[in-house]
């Protein structure tokens, strides 16, 4: 059974460096978001993770582990966000998505652009 199509699946990357996590200060919304996006047609989850991280941050994924799934919406349409804890290497850059940077999530308080990002971060620190 195909639970959800690729167009309904959002992938998020949780990339940690010390006690900080990589966020993007979004250029198109007020707030911060984890690197990620929608899986393209014909693309595997792993391929989508690698593409999104490279496009948005300039980093290359070397390892990824499934962290959790979260219901979400985009333009009023229900989607599923798959969150992966990711190890990545390279030189951090910004993109048209926004400015990339390492932040302590507690400093961002309620400045997350997406509810699924906020819930994933809360769960991550609860389980750490």
PDB file of N, CA and C in Angstrom:
ATOM      1  N   UNK A   1       0.850  -1.180   0.000  1.00  0.00           N
ATOM      2  CA  UNK A   1       0.000   0.000   0.000  1.00  0.00           C
ATOM      3  C   UNK A   1       0.891   1.237   0.000  1.00  0.00           C
ATOM      4  N   UNK A   2       0.594   2.173  -0.847  1.00  0.00           N
ATOM      5  CA  UNK A   2       1.315   3.436  -0.905  1.00  0.00           C
ATOM      6  C   UNK A   2       0.631   4.413   0.041  1.00  0.00           C
ATOM      7  N   UNK A   3       1.229   4.666   1.199  1.00  0.00           N
ATOM      8  CA  UNK A   3       0.620   5.499   2.228  1.00  0.00           C
ATOM      9  C   UNK A   3       0.505   6.945   1.764  1.00  0.00           C
ATOM     10  N   UNK A   4       1.564   7.476   1.204  1.00  0.00           N
ATOM     11  CA  UNK A   4       1.501   8.850   0.702  1.00  0.00           C
ATOM     12  C   UNK A   4       2.412   8.984  -0.512  1.00  0.00           C
ATOM     13  N   UNK A   5       2.023   9.862  -1.397  1.00  0.00           N
ATOM     14  CA  UNK A   5       2.822  10.062  -2.601  1.00  0.00           C
ATOM     15  C   UNK A   5       4.038  10.918  -2.278  1.00  0.00           C
ATOM     16  N   UNK A   6       4.972  10.959  -3.199  1.00  0.00           N
ATOM     17  CA  UNK A   6       6.165  11.777  -3.006  1.00  0.00           C
ATOM     18  C   UNK A   6       5.803  13.244  -2.830  1.00  0.00           C
ATOM     19  N   UNK A   7       4.786  13.702  -3.549  1.00  0.00           N
ATOM     20  CA  UNK A   7       4.395  15.099  -3.483  1.00  0.00           C
ATOM     21  C   UNK A   7       3.806  15.464  -2.125  1.00  0.00           C
ATOM     22  N   UNK A   8       3.411  14.453  -1.333  1.00  0.00           N
ATOM     23  CA  UNK A   8       2.837  14.686  -0.011  1.00  0.00           C
ATOM     24  C   UNK A   8       3.872  14.471   1.090  1.00  0.00           C
ATOM     25  N   UNK A   9       5.112  14.150   0.723  1.00  0.00           N
ATOM     26  CA  UNK A   9       6.140  13.841   1.707  1.00  0.00           C
ATOM     27  C   UNK A   9       7.184  14.943   1.759  1.00  0.00           C
ATOM     28  N   UNK A  10       7.345  15.478   2.937  1.00  0.00           N
ATOM     29  CA  UNK A  10       8.319  16.538   3.201  1.00  0.00           C
ATOM     30  C   UNK A  10       9.470  15.910   3.985  1.00  0.00           C
ATOM     31  N   UNK A  11      10.688  16.282   3.657  1.00  0.00           N
ATOM     32  CA  UNK A  11      11.845  15.777   4.378  1.00  0.00           C
ATOM     33  C   UNK A  11      12.537  16.932   5.090  1.00  0.00           C
ATOM     34  N   UNK A  12      12.957  16.676   6.327  1.00  0.00           N
ATOM     35  CA  UNK A  12      13.655  17.677   7.121  1.00  0.00           C
ATOM     36  C   UNK A  12      14.952  17.089   7.627  1.00  0.00           C
ATOM     37  N   UNK A  13      15.986  17.910   7.676  1.00  0.00           N
ATOM     38  CA  UNK A  13      17.312  17.462   8.086  1.00  0.00           C
ATOM     39  C   UNK A  13      17.712  18.155   9.379  1.00  0.00           C
ATOM     40  N   UNK A  14      18.011  17.355  10.377  1.00  0.00           N
ATOM     41  CA  UNK A  14      18.455  17.854  11.670  1.00  0.00           C
ATOM     42  C   UNK A  14      19.960  17.650  11.722  1.00  0.00           C
ATOM     43  N   UNK A  15      20.724  18.730  11.525  1.00  0.00           N
ATOM     44  CA  UNK A  15      22.178  18.653  11.454  1.00  0.00           C
ATOM     45  C   UNK A  15      22.743  19.357  12.686  1.00  0.00           C
ATOM     46  N   UNK A  16      23.473  18.602  13.489  1.00  0.00           N
ATOM     47  CA  UNK A  16      23.974  19.117  14.758  1.00  0.00           C
ATOM     48  C   UNK A  16      25.475  19.359  14.699  1.00  0.00           C
ATOM     49  N   UNK A  17      25.912  20.431  15.362  1.00  0.00           N
ATOM     50  CA  UNK A  17      27.332  20.755  15.489  1.00  0.00           C
ATOM     51  C   UNK A  17      27.524  21.208  16.937  1.00  0.00           C
ATOM     52  N   UNK A  18      28.102  20.338  17.753  1.00  0.00           N
ATOM     53  CA  UNK A  18      28.194  20.632  19.176  1.00  0.00           C
ATOM     54  C   UNK A  18      26.795  20.673  19.758  1.00  0.00           C
ATOM     55  N   UNK A  19      26.446  21.780  20.398  1.00  0.00           N
ATOM     56  CA  UNK A  19      25.107  21.923  20.973  1.00  0.00           C
ATOM     57  C   UNK A  19      24.188  22.759  20.091  1.00  0.00           C
ATOM     58  N   UNK A  20      24.658  23.052  18.886  1.00  0.00           N
ATOM     59  CA  UNK A  20      23.869  23.878  17.978  1.00  0.00           C
ATOM     60  C   UNK A  20      23.320  23.044  16.826  1.00  0.00           C
ATOM     61  N   UNK A  21      22.259  23.558  16.222  1.00  0.00           N
ATOM     62  CA  UNK A  21      21.608  22.893  15.101  1.00  0.00           C
ATOM     63  C   UNK A  21      21.556  23.869  13.931  1.00  0.00           C
ATOM     64  N   UNK A  22      21.707  23.333  12.738  1.00  0.00           N
ATOM     65  CA  UNK A  22      21.681  24.152  11.529  1.00  0.00           C
ATOM     66  C   UNK A  22      20.245  24.548  11.195  1.00  0.00           C
ATOM     67  N   UNK A  23      20.027  25.857  11.130  1.00  0.00           N
ATOM     68  CA  UNK A  23      18.734  26.404  10.723  1.00  0.00           C
ATOM     69  C   UNK A  23      18.961  27.369   9.577  1.00  0.00           C
ATOM     70  N   UNK A  24      17.881  27.629   8.852  1.00  0.00           N
ATOM     71  CA  UNK A  24      17.899  28.625   7.791  1.00  0.00           C
ATOM     72  C   UNK A  24      16.946  29.744   8.193  1.00  0.00           C
ATOM     73  N   UNK A  25      17.456  30.974   8.233  1.00  0.00           N
ATOM     74  CA  UNK A  25      16.601  32.155   8.426  1.00  0.00           C
ATOM     75  C   UNK A  25      15.943  32.365   7.077  1.00  0.00           C
ATOM     76  N   UNK A  26      14.689  31.967   6.978  1.00  0.00           N
ATOM     77  CA  UNK A  26      14.014  31.897   5.691  1.00  0.00           C
ATOM     78  C   UNK A  26      13.818  33.264   5.043  1.00  0.00           C
ATOM     79  N   UNK A  27      14.011  33.290   3.738  1.00  0.00           N
ATOM     80  CA  UNK A  27      13.874  34.537   2.974  1.00  0.00           C
ATOM     81  C   UNK A  27      12.420  34.790   2.583  1.00  0.00           C
ATOM     82  N   UNK A  28      11.579  33.763   2.605  1.00  0.00           N
ATOM     83  CA  UNK A  28      10.207  33.883   2.110  1.00  0.00           C
ATOM     84  C   UNK A  28       9.157  33.810   3.210  1.00  0.00           C
ATOM     85  N   UNK A  29       9.586  33.544   4.461  1.00  0.00           N
ATOM     86  CA  UNK A  29       8.688  33.506   5.613  1.00  0.00           C
ATOM     87  C   UNK A  29       9.386  34.140   6.795  1.00  0.00           C
ATOM     88  N   UNK A  30       8.608  34.572   7.762  1.00  0.00           N
ATOM     89  CA  UNK A  30       9.182  35.125   8.976  1.00  0.00           C
ATOM     90  C   UNK A  30       9.529  33.974   9.913  1.00  0.00           C
ATOM     91  N   UNK A  31      10.790  33.729  10.132  1.00  0.00           N
ATOM     92  CA  UNK A  31      11.205  32.683  11.056  1.00  0.00           C
ATOM     93  C   UNK A  31      12.297  31.797  10.499  1.00  0.00           C
ATOM     94  N   UNK A  32      12.581  30.763  11.266  1.00  0.00           N
ATOM     95  CA  UNK A  32      13.664  29.828  10.964  1.00  0.00           C
ATOM     96  C   UNK A  32      13.091  28.459  10.629  1.00  0.00           C
ATOM     97  N   UNK A  33      13.816  27.722   9.793  1.00  0.00           N
ATOM     98  CA  UNK A  33      13.410  26.372   9.437  1.00  0.00           C
ATOM     99  C   UNK A  33      14.605  25.462   9.309  1.00  0.00           C
ATOM    100  N   UNK A  34      14.353  24.180   9.470  1.00  0.00           N
ATOM    101  CA  UNK A  34      15.377  23.175   9.215  1.00  0.00           C
ATOM    102  C   UNK A  34      15.544  23.031   7.708  1.00  0.00           C
ATOM    103  N   UNK A  35      16.744  22.679   7.231  1.00  0.00           N
ATOM    104  CA  UNK A  35      16.901  22.411   5.800  1.00  0.00           C
ATOM    105  C   UNK A  35      15.959  21.278   5.392  1.00  0.00           C
ATOM    106  N   UNK A  36      15.393  21.380   4.219  1.00  0.00           N
ATOM    107  CA  UNK A  36      14.513  20.316   3.746  1.00  0.00           C
ATOM    108  C   UNK A  36      13.565  20.805   2.676  1.00  0.00           C
ATOM    109  N   UNK A  37      12.644  19.935   2.306  1.00  0.00           N
ATOM    110  CA  UNK A  37      11.677  20.284   1.277  1.00  0.00           C
ATOM    111  C   UNK A  37      10.924  19.045   0.835  1.00  0.00           C
ATOM    112  N   UNK A  38      10.313  19.123  -0.318  1.00  0.00           N
ATOM    113  CA  UNK A  38       9.522  18.018  -0.853  1.00  0.00           C
ATOM    114  C   UNK A  38      10.392  17.083  -1.685  1.00  0.00           C
ATOM    115  N   UNK A  39      10.052  15.807  -1.635  1.00  0.00           N
ATOM    116  CA  UNK A  39      10.730  14.815  -2.468  1.00  0.00           C
ATOM    117  C   UNK A  39      10.223  14.985  -3.899  1.00  0.00           C
ATOM    118  N   UNK A  40      11.137  15.003  -4.849  1.00  0.00           N
ATOM    119  CA  UNK A  40      10.765  15.128  -6.261  1.00  0.00           C
ATOM    120  C   UNK A  40      10.317  13.775  -6.813  1.00  0.00           C
ATOM    121  N   UNK A  41       9.539  13.819  -7.865  1.00  0.00           N
ATOM    122  CA  UNK A  41       9.059  12.612  -8.525  1.00  0.00           C
ATOM    123  C   UNK A  41      10.236  11.730  -8.949  1.00  0.00           C
ATOM    124  N   UNK A  42      10.190  10.453  -8.591  1.00  0.00           N
ATOM    125  CA  UNK A  42      11.226   9.501  -8.956  1.00  0.00           C
ATOM    126  C   UNK A  42      12.428   9.503  -8.029  1.00  0.00           C
ATOM    127  N   UNK A  43      12.396  10.330  -7.006  1.00  0.00           N
ATOM    128  CA  UNK A  43      13.523  10.480  -6.095  1.00  0.00           C
ATOM    129  C   UNK A  43      13.282   9.665  -4.825  1.00  0.00           C
ATOM    130  N   UNK A  44      14.332   9.005  -4.327  1.00  0.00           N
ATOM    131  CA  UNK A  44      14.217   8.295  -3.045  1.00  0.00           C
ATOM    132  C   UNK A  44      14.340   9.318  -1.916  1.00  0.00           C
ATOM    133  N   UNK A  45      13.976   8.905  -0.701  1.00  0.00           N
ATOM    134  CA  UNK A  45      14.103   9.786   0.453  1.00  0.00           C
ATOM    135  C   UNK A  45      15.563  10.207   0.610  1.00  0.00           C
ATOM    136  N   UNK A  46      16.488   9.254   0.521  1.00  0.00           N
ATOM    137  CA  UNK A  46      17.910   9.569   0.676  1.00  0.00           C
ATOM    138  C   UNK A  46      18.384  10.559  -0.394  1.00  0.00           C
ATOM    139  N   UNK A  47      17.955  10.368  -1.630  1.00  0.00           N
ATOM    140  CA  UNK A  47      18.332  11.296  -2.707  1.00  0.00           C
ATOM    141  C   UNK A  47      17.779  12.691  -2.428  1.00  0.00           C
ATOM    142  N   UNK A  48      16.541  12.750  -1.947  1.00  0.00           N
ATOM    143  CA  UNK A  48      15.929  14.033  -1.610  1.00  0.00           C
ATOM    144  C   UNK A  48      16.651  14.728  -0.474  1.00  0.00           C
ATOM    145  N   UNK A  49      17.019  13.975   0.554  1.00  0.00           N
ATOM    146  CA  UNK A  49      17.776  14.539   1.682  1.00  0.00           C
ATOM    147  C   UNK A  49      19.074  15.164   1.181  1.00  0.00           C
ATOM    148  N   UNK A  50      19.812  14.400   0.395  1.00  0.00           N
ATOM    149  CA  UNK A  50      21.103  14.877  -0.115  1.00  0.00           C
ATOM    150  C   UNK A  50      20.937  16.120  -0.991  1.00  0.00           C
ATOM    151  N   UNK A  51      19.951  16.103  -1.869  1.00  0.00           N
ATOM    152  CA  UNK A  51      19.724  17.236  -2.777  1.00  0.00           C
ATOM    153  C   UNK A  51      19.344  18.487  -1.990  1.00  0.00           C
ATOM    154  N   UNK A  52      18.389  18.355  -1.083  1.00  0.00           N
ATOM    155  CA  UNK A  52      17.923  19.524  -0.327  1.00  0.00           C
ATOM    156  C   UNK A  52      19.038  20.140   0.515  1.00  0.00           C
ATOM    157  N   UNK A  53      19.809  19.305   1.212  1.00  0.00           N
ATOM    158  CA  UNK A  53      20.898  19.831   2.044  1.00  0.00           C
ATOM    159  C   UNK A  53      21.946  20.525   1.182  1.00  0.00           C
ATOM    160  N   UNK A  54      22.324  19.914   0.074  1.00  0.00           N
ATOM    161  CA  UNK A  54      23.319  20.518  -0.806  1.00  0.00           C
ATOM    162  C   UNK A  54      22.808  21.845  -1.386  1.00  0.00           C
ATOM    163  N   UNK A  55      21.574  21.861  -1.888  1.00  0.00           N
ATOM    164  CA  UNK A  55      21.010  23.074  -2.484  1.00  0.00           C
ATOM    165  C   UNK A  55      20.893  24.212  -1.472  1.00  0.00           C
ATOM    166  N   UNK A  56      20.452  23.887  -0.264  1.00  0.00           N
ATOM    167  CA  UNK A  56      20.137  24.927   0.716  1.00  0.00           C
ATOM    168  C   UNK A  56      21.312  25.347   1.582  1.00  0.00           C
ATOM    169  N   UNK A  57      22.308  24.452   1.753  1.00  0.00           N
ATOM    170  CA  UNK A  57      23.394  24.753   2.698  1.00  0.00           C
ATOM    171  C   UNK A  57      24.798  24.582   2.125  1.00  0.00           C
ATOM    172  N   UNK A  58      24.924  23.898   0.992  1.00  0.00           N
ATOM    173  CA  UNK A  58      26.242  23.615   0.433  1.00  0.00           C
ATOM    174  C   UNK A  58      26.929  22.424   1.075  1.00  0.00           C
ATOM    175  N   UNK A  59      26.299  21.808   2.066  1.00  0.00           N
ATOM    176  CA  UNK A  59      26.897  20.664   2.765  1.00  0.00           C
ATOM    177  C   UNK A  59      26.530  19.355   2.076  1.00  0.00           C
ATOM    178  N   UNK A  60      27.395  18.350   2.243  1.00  0.00           N
ATOM    179  CA  UNK A  60      27.153  17.016   1.692  1.00  0.00           C
ATOM    180  C   UNK A  60      26.892  16.043   2.834  1.00  0.00           C
ATOM    181  N   UNK A  61      25.816  15.277   2.707  1.00  0.00           N
ATOM    182  CA  UNK A  61      25.448  14.292   3.724  1.00  0.00           C
ATOM    183  C   UNK A  61      26.384  13.100   3.651  1.00  0.00           C
ATOM    184  N   UNK A  62      26.902  12.676   4.802  1.00  0.00           N
ATOM    185  CA  UNK A  62      27.742  11.482   4.873  1.00  0.00           C
ATOM    186  C   UNK A  62      27.050  10.357   5.635  1.00  0.00           C
ATOM    187  N   UNK A  63      26.031  10.685   6.411  1.00  0.00           N
ATOM    188  CA  UNK A  63      25.299   9.677   7.175  1.00  0.00           C
ATOM    189  C   UNK A  63      23.944  10.255   7.559  1.00  0.00           C
ATOM    190  N   UNK A  64      22.910   9.418   7.567  1.00  0.00           N
ATOM    191  CA  UNK A  64      21.604   9.882   8.030  1.00  0.00           C
ATOM    192  C   UNK A  64      20.882   8.764   8.759  1.00  0.00           C
ATOM    193  N   UNK A  65      20.127   9.165   9.778  1.00  0.00           N
ATOM    194  CA  UNK A  65      19.354   8.238  10.599  1.00  0.00           C
ATOM    195  C   UNK A  65      17.941   8.790  10.745  1.00  0.00           C
ATOM    196  N   UNK A  66      16.959   7.927  10.559  1.00  0.00           N
ATOM    197  CA  UNK A  66      15.571   8.355  10.714  1.00  0.00           C
ATOM    198  C   UNK A  66      15.331   8.767  12.160  1.00  0.00           C
ATOM    199  N   UNK A  67      14.694   9.921  12.359  1.00  0.00           N
ATOM    200  CA  UNK A  67      14.398  10.405  13.704  1.00  0.00           C
ATOM    201  C   UNK A  67      12.917  10.289  14.035  1.00  0.00           C
ATOM    202  N   UNK A  68      12.044  10.716  13.122  1.00  0.00           N
ATOM    203  CA  UNK A  68      10.609  10.655  13.407  1.00  0.00           C
ATOM    204  C   UNK A  68       9.782  11.224  12.274  1.00  0.00           C
ATOM    205  N   UNK A  69       8.473  11.065  12.392  1.00  0.00           N
ATOM    206  CA  UNK A  69       7.559  11.604  11.384  1.00  0.00           C
ATOM    207  C   UNK A  69       6.532  12.495  12.073  1.00  0.00           C
ATOM    208  N   UNK A  70       6.123  13.538  11.351  1.00  0.00           N
ATOM    209  CA  UNK A  70       5.229  14.540  11.915  1.00  0.00           C
ATOM    210  C   UNK A  70       4.194  14.956  10.880  1.00  0.00           C
ATOM    211  N   UNK A  71       2.907  14.995  11.277  1.00  0.00           N
ATOM    212  CA  UNK A  71       1.896  15.503  10.341  1.00  0.00           C
ATOM    213  C   UNK A  71       2.118  17.005  10.152  1.00  0.00           C
ATOM    214  N   UNK A  72       1.883  17.462   8.949  1.00  0.00           N
ATOM    215  CA  UNK A  72       2.087  18.878   8.644  1.00  0.00           C
ATOM    216  C   UNK A  72       1.141  19.281   7.521  1.00  0.00           C
ATOM    217  N   UNK A  73       1.083  20.548   7.223  1.00  0.00           N
ATOM    218  CA  UNK A  73       0.267  21.059   6.116  1.00  0.00           C
ATOM    219  C   UNK A  73       1.087  22.036   5.304  1.00  0.00           C
ATOM    220  N   UNK A  74       0.790  22.094   4.034  1.00  0.00           N
ATOM    221  CA  UNK A  74       1.388  23.076   3.144  1.00  0.00           C
ATOM    222  C   UNK A  74       0.288  23.574   2.226  1.00  0.00           C
ATOM    223  N   UNK A  75       0.016  24.857   2.285  1.00  0.00           N
ATOM    224  CA  UNK A  75      -1.050  25.471   1.488  1.00  0.00           C
ATOM    225  C   UNK A  75      -2.380  24.757   1.733  1.00  0.00           C
ATOM    226  N   UNK A  76      -2.612  24.370   3.006  1.00  0.00           N
ATOM    227  CA  UNK A  76      -3.864  23.734   3.405  1.00  0.00           C
ATOM    228  C   UNK A  76      -3.956  22.249   3.082  1.00  0.00           C
ATOM    229  N   UNK A  77      -2.897  21.683   2.498  1.00  0.00           N
ATOM    230  CA  UNK A  77      -2.910  20.270   2.113  1.00  0.00           C
ATOM    231  C   UNK A  77      -2.094  19.477   3.130  1.00  0.00           C
ATOM    232  N   UNK A  78      -2.691  18.402   3.647  1.00  0.00           N
ATOM    233  CA  UNK A  78      -2.008  17.553   4.609  1.00  0.00           C
ATOM    234  C   UNK A  78      -0.815  16.846   3.994  1.00  0.00           C
ATOM    235  N   UNK A  79       0.277  16.833   4.728  1.00  0.00           N
ATOM    236  CA  UNK A  79       1.503  16.164   4.288  1.00  0.00           C
ATOM    237  C   UNK A  79       2.113  15.445   5.473  1.00  0.00           C
ATOM    238  N   UNK A  80       3.142  14.682   5.210  1.00  0.00           N
ATOM    239  CA  UNK A  80       3.884  13.989   6.246  1.00  0.00           C
ATOM    240  C   UNK A  80       5.327  14.463   6.183  1.00  0.00           C
ATOM    241  N   UNK A  81       5.854  14.938   7.313  1.00  0.00           N
ATOM    242  CA  UNK A  81       7.249  15.372   7.380  1.00  0.00           C
ATOM    243  C   UNK A  81       8.079  14.252   7.987  1.00  0.00           C
ATOM    244  N   UNK A  82       9.081  13.784   7.246  1.00  0.00           N
ATOM    245  CA  UNK A  82      10.015  12.774   7.722  1.00  0.00           C
ATOM    246  C   UNK A  82      11.282  13.492   8.153  1.00  0.00           C
ATOM    247  N   UNK A  83      11.669  13.316   9.414  1.00  0.00           N
ATOM    248  CA  UNK A  83      12.823  14.019   9.959  1.00  0.00           C
ATOM    249  C   UNK A  83      13.979  13.047  10.132  1.00  0.00           C
ATOM    250  N   UNK A  84      15.143  13.453   9.647  1.00  0.00           N
ATOM    251  CA  UNK A  84      16.351  12.638   9.735  1.00  0.00           C
ATOM    252  C   UNK A  84      17.434  13.408  10.468  1.00  0.00           C
ATOM    253  N   UNK A  85      18.145  12.710  11.354  1.00  0.00           N
ATOM    254  CA  UNK A  85      19.338  13.273  11.971  1.00  0.00           C
ATOM    255  C   UNK A  85      20.468  12.999  10.986  1.00  0.00           C
ATOM    256  N   UNK A  86      21.201  14.040  10.630  1.00  0.00           N
ATOM    257  CA  UNK A  86      22.143  13.963   9.526  1.00  0.00           C
ATOM    258  C   UNK A  86      23.536  14.405   9.953  1.00  0.00           C
ATOM    259  N   UNK A  87      24.557  13.702   9.454  1.00  0.00           N
ATOM    260  CA  UNK A  87      25.945  14.137   9.561  1.00  0.00           C
ATOM    261  C   UNK A  87      26.328  14.661   8.185  1.00  0.00           C
ATOM    262  N   UNK A  88      26.894  15.867   8.164  1.00  0.00           N
ATOM    263  CA  UNK A  88      27.229  16.484   6.881  1.00  0.00           C
ATOM    264  C   UNK A  88      28.592  17.161   6.971  1.00  0.00           C
ATOM    265  N   UNK A  89      29.241  17.285   5.813  1.00  0.00           N
ATOM    266  CA  UNK A  89      30.559  17.927   5.737  1.00  0.00           C
ATOM    267  C   UNK A  89      30.541  18.983   4.637  1.00  0.00           C
ATOM    268  N   UNK A  90      31.516  19.896   4.711  1.00  0.00           N
ATOM    269  CA  UNK A  90      31.646  20.907   3.677  1.00  0.00           C
ATOM    270  C   UNK A  90      31.647  22.295   4.263  1.00  0.00           C
ATOM    271  N   UNK A  91      31.575  23.261   3.375  1.00  0.00           N
ATOM    272  CA  UNK A  91      31.577  24.661   3.768  1.00  0.00           C
ATOM    273  C   UNK A  91      30.150  25.187   3.689  1.00  0.00           C
ATOM    274  N   UNK A  92      29.666  25.689   4.815  1.00  0.00           N
ATOM    275  CA  UNK A  92      28.300  26.185   4.909  1.00  0.00           C
ATOM    276  C   UNK A  92      28.113  27.429   4.042  1.00  0.00           C
ATOM    277  N   UNK A  93      27.003  27.452   3.298  1.00  0.00           N
ATOM    278  CA  UNK A  93      26.668  28.615   2.485  1.00  0.00           C
ATOM    279  C   UNK A  93      25.173  28.889   2.618  1.00  0.00           C
ATOM    280  N   UNK A  94      24.780  30.044   2.199  1.00  0.00           N
ATOM    281  CA  UNK A  94      23.365  30.405   2.168  1.00  0.00           C
ATOM    282  C   UNK A  94      22.842  30.193   0.754  1.00  0.00           C
ATOM    283  N   UNK A  95      21.535  30.289   0.591  1.00  0.00           N
ATOM    284  CA  UNK A  95      20.918  30.060  -0.723  1.00  0.00           C
ATOM    285  C   UNK A  95      19.713  30.975  -0.865  1.00  0.00           C
ATOM    286  N   UNK A  96      18.973  30.785  -1.942  1.00  0.00           N
ATOM    287  CA  UNK A  96      17.758  31.579  -2.145  1.00  0.00           C
ATOM    288  C   UNK A  96      16.713  31.277  -1.075  1.00  0.00           C
ATOM    289  N   UNK A  97      16.843  30.130  -0.395  1.00  0.00           N
ATOM    290  CA  UNK A  97      15.924  29.779   0.694  1.00  0.00           C
ATOM    291  C   UNK A  97      16.112  30.707   1.887  1.00  0.00           C
ATOM    292  N   UNK A  98      17.373  31.160   2.100  1.00  0.00           N
ATOM    293  CA  UNK A  98      17.656  32.038   3.226  1.00  0.00           C
ATOM    294  C   UNK A  98      19.094  31.909   3.687  1.00  0.00           C
ATOM    295  N   UNK A  99      19.365  32.458   4.860  1.00  0.00           N
ATOM    296  CA  UNK A  99      20.704  32.478   5.428  1.00  0.00           C
ATOM    297  C   UNK A  99      20.885  31.321   6.395  1.00  0.00           C
ATOM    298  N   UNK A 100      21.873  30.463   6.123  1.00  0.00           N
ATOM    299  CA  UNK A 100      22.146  29.293   6.957  1.00  0.00           C
ATOM    300  C   UNK A 100      23.036  29.674   8.124  1.00  0.00           C
ATOM    301  N   UNK A 101      22.789  29.052   9.271  1.00  0.00           N
ATOM    302  CA  UNK A 101      23.635  29.307  10.433  1.00  0.00           C
ATOM    303  C   UNK A 101      23.394  28.297  11.539  1.00  0.00           C
ATOM    304  N   UNK A 102      24.351  28.227  12.451  1.00  0.00           N
ATOM    305  CA  UNK A 102      24.278  27.307  13.597  1.00  0.00           C
ATOM    306  C   UNK A 102      23.668  28.055  14.779  1.00  0.00           C
ATOM    307  N   UNK A 103      22.606  27.508  15.347  1.00  0.00           N
ATOM    308  CA  UNK A 103      21.891  28.160  16.436  1.00  0.00           C
ATOM    309  C   UNK A 103      21.584  27.172  17.552  1.00  0.00           C
ATOM    310  N   UNK A 104      21.556  27.691  18.767  1.00  0.00           N
ATOM    311  CA  UNK A 104      21.002  26.941  19.888  1.00  0.00           C
ATOM    312  C   UNK A 104      19.491  27.130  19.759  1.00  0.00           C
ATOM    313  N   UNK A 105      18.736  26.050  19.559  1.00  0.00           N
ATOM    314  CA  UNK A 105      17.286  26.182  19.346  1.00  0.00           C
ATOM    315  C   UNK A 105      16.574  26.937  20.463  1.00  0.00           C
ATOM    316  N   UNK A 106      17.113  26.876  21.681  1.00  0.00           N
ATOM    317  CA  UNK A 106      16.476  27.594  22.795  1.00  0.00           C
ATOM    318  C   UNK A 106      16.548  29.099  22.583  1.00  0.00           C
ATOM    319  N   UNK A 107      17.542  29.563  21.821  1.00  0.00           N
ATOM    320  CA  UNK A 107      17.660  30.993  21.531  1.00  0.00           C
ATOM    321  C   UNK A 107      16.622  31.459  20.508  1.00  0.00           C
ATOM    322  N   UNK A 108      16.117  30.527  19.731  1.00  0.00           N
ATOM    323  CA  UNK A 108      15.128  30.883  18.713  1.00  0.00           C
ATOM    324  C   UNK A 108      13.719  30.968  19.290  1.00  0.00           C
ATOM    325  N   UNK A 109      13.532  30.408  20.476  1.00  0.00           N
ATOM    326  CA  UNK A 109      12.257  30.408  21.196  1.00  0.00           C
ATOM    327  C   UNK A 109      11.122  29.969  20.268  1.00  0.00           C
ATOM    328  N   UNK A 110      10.161  30.817  20.062  1.00  0.00           N
ATOM    329  CA  UNK A 110       9.027  30.468  19.194  1.00  0.00           C
ATOM    330  C   UNK A 110       9.155  31.111  17.821  1.00  0.00           C
ATOM    331  N   UNK A 111      10.383  31.219  17.343  1.00  0.00           N
ATOM    332  CA  UNK A 111      10.636  31.869  16.069  1.00  0.00           C
ATOM    333  C   UNK A 111      10.787  30.857  14.929  1.00  0.00           C
ATOM    334  N   UNK A 112      10.141  29.689  15.070  1.00  0.00           N
ATOM    335  CA  UNK A 112      10.172  28.681  14.015  1.00  0.00           C
ATOM    336  C   UNK A 112       9.071  28.990  13.006  1.00  0.00           C
ATOM    337  N   UNK A 113       9.387  28.866  11.734  1.00  0.00           N
ATOM    338  CA  UNK A 113       8.414  29.154  10.688  1.00  0.00           C
ATOM    339  C   UNK A 113       7.385  28.038  10.534  1.00  0.00           C
ATOM    340  N   UNK A 114       7.752  26.821  10.942  1.00  0.00           N
ATOM    341  CA  UNK A 114       6.874  25.667  10.746  1.00  0.00           C
ATOM    342  C   UNK A 114       6.676  24.915  12.057  1.00  0.00           C
ATOM    343  N   UNK A 115       5.443  24.508  12.305  1.00  0.00           N
ATOM    344  CA  UNK A 115       5.116  23.781  13.531  1.00  0.00           C
ATOM    345  C   UNK A 115       5.806  22.416  13.584  1.00  0.00           C
ATOM    346  N   UNK A 116       5.951  21.735  12.428  1.00  0.00           N
ATOM    347  CA  UNK A 116       6.617  20.423  12.427  1.00  0.00           C
ATOM    348  C   UNK A 116       8.083  20.550  12.847  1.00  0.00           C
ATOM    349  N   UNK A 117       8.738  21.642  12.447  1.00  0.00           N
ATOM    350  CA  UNK A 117      10.126  21.893  12.863  1.00  0.00           C
ATOM    351  C   UNK A 117      10.200  22.057  14.374  1.00  0.00           C
ATOM    352  N   UNK A 118       9.307  22.862  14.910  1.00  0.00           N
ATOM    353  CA  UNK A 118       9.282  23.115  16.357  1.00  0.00           C
ATOM    354  C   UNK A 118       9.081  21.817  17.130  1.00  0.00           C
ATOM    355  N   UNK A 119       8.138  20.993  16.703  1.00  0.00           N
ATOM    356  CA  UNK A 119       7.849  19.734  17.395  1.00  0.00           C
ATOM    357  C   UNK A 119       9.037  18.779  17.298  1.00  0.00           C
ATOM    358  N   UNK A 120       9.674  18.692  16.140  1.00  0.00           N
ATOM    359  CA  UNK A 120      10.836  17.816  15.976  1.00  0.00           C
ATOM    360  C   UNK A 120      11.976  18.247  16.898  1.00  0.00           C
ATOM    361  N   UNK A 121      12.222  19.543  16.998  1.00  0.00           N
ATOM    362  CA  UNK A 121      13.283  20.057  17.877  1.00  0.00           C
ATOM    363  C   UNK A 121      12.955  19.765  19.338  1.00  0.00           C
ATOM    364  N   UNK A 122      11.701  19.984  19.727  1.00  0.00           N
ATOM    365  CA  UNK A 122      11.290  19.675  21.110  1.00  0.00           C
ATOM    366  C   UNK A 122      11.528  18.200  21.416  1.00  0.00           C
ATOM    367  N   UNK A 123      11.109  17.331  20.498  1.00  0.00           N
ATOM    368  CA  UNK A 123      11.299  15.880  20.699  1.00  0.00           C
ATOM    369  C   UNK A 123      12.770  15.501  20.739  1.00  0.00           C
ATOM    370  N   UNK A 124      13.568  16.139  19.894  1.00  0.00           N
ATOM    371  CA  UNK A 124      14.985  15.823  19.824  1.00  0.00           C
ATOM    372  C   UNK A 124      15.654  16.100  21.171  1.00  0.00           C
ATOM    373  N   UNK A 125      15.379  17.258  21.753  1.00  0.00           N
ATOM    374  CA  UNK A 125      16.013  17.609  23.025  1.00  0.00           C
ATOM    375  C   UNK A 125      15.419  16.839  24.196  1.00  0.00           C
ATOM    376  N   UNK A 126      14.175  16.416  24.052  1.00  0.00           N
ATOM    377  CA  UNK A 126      13.549  15.585  25.095  1.00  0.00           C
ATOM    378  C   UNK A 126      14.187  14.209  25.133  1.00  0.00           C
ATOM    379  N   UNK A 127      14.585  13.699  23.963  1.00  0.00           N
ATOM    380  CA  UNK A 127      15.186  12.360  23.864  1.00  0.00           C
ATOM    381  C   UNK A 127      16.694  12.357  24.053  1.00  0.00           C
ATOM    382  N   UNK A 128      17.296  13.525  24.066  1.00  0.00           N
ATOM    383  CA  UNK A 128      18.767  13.593  24.147  1.00  0.00           C
ATOM    384  C   UNK A 128      19.260  13.364  25.570  1.00  0.00           C
TER     385      UNK A 128
END
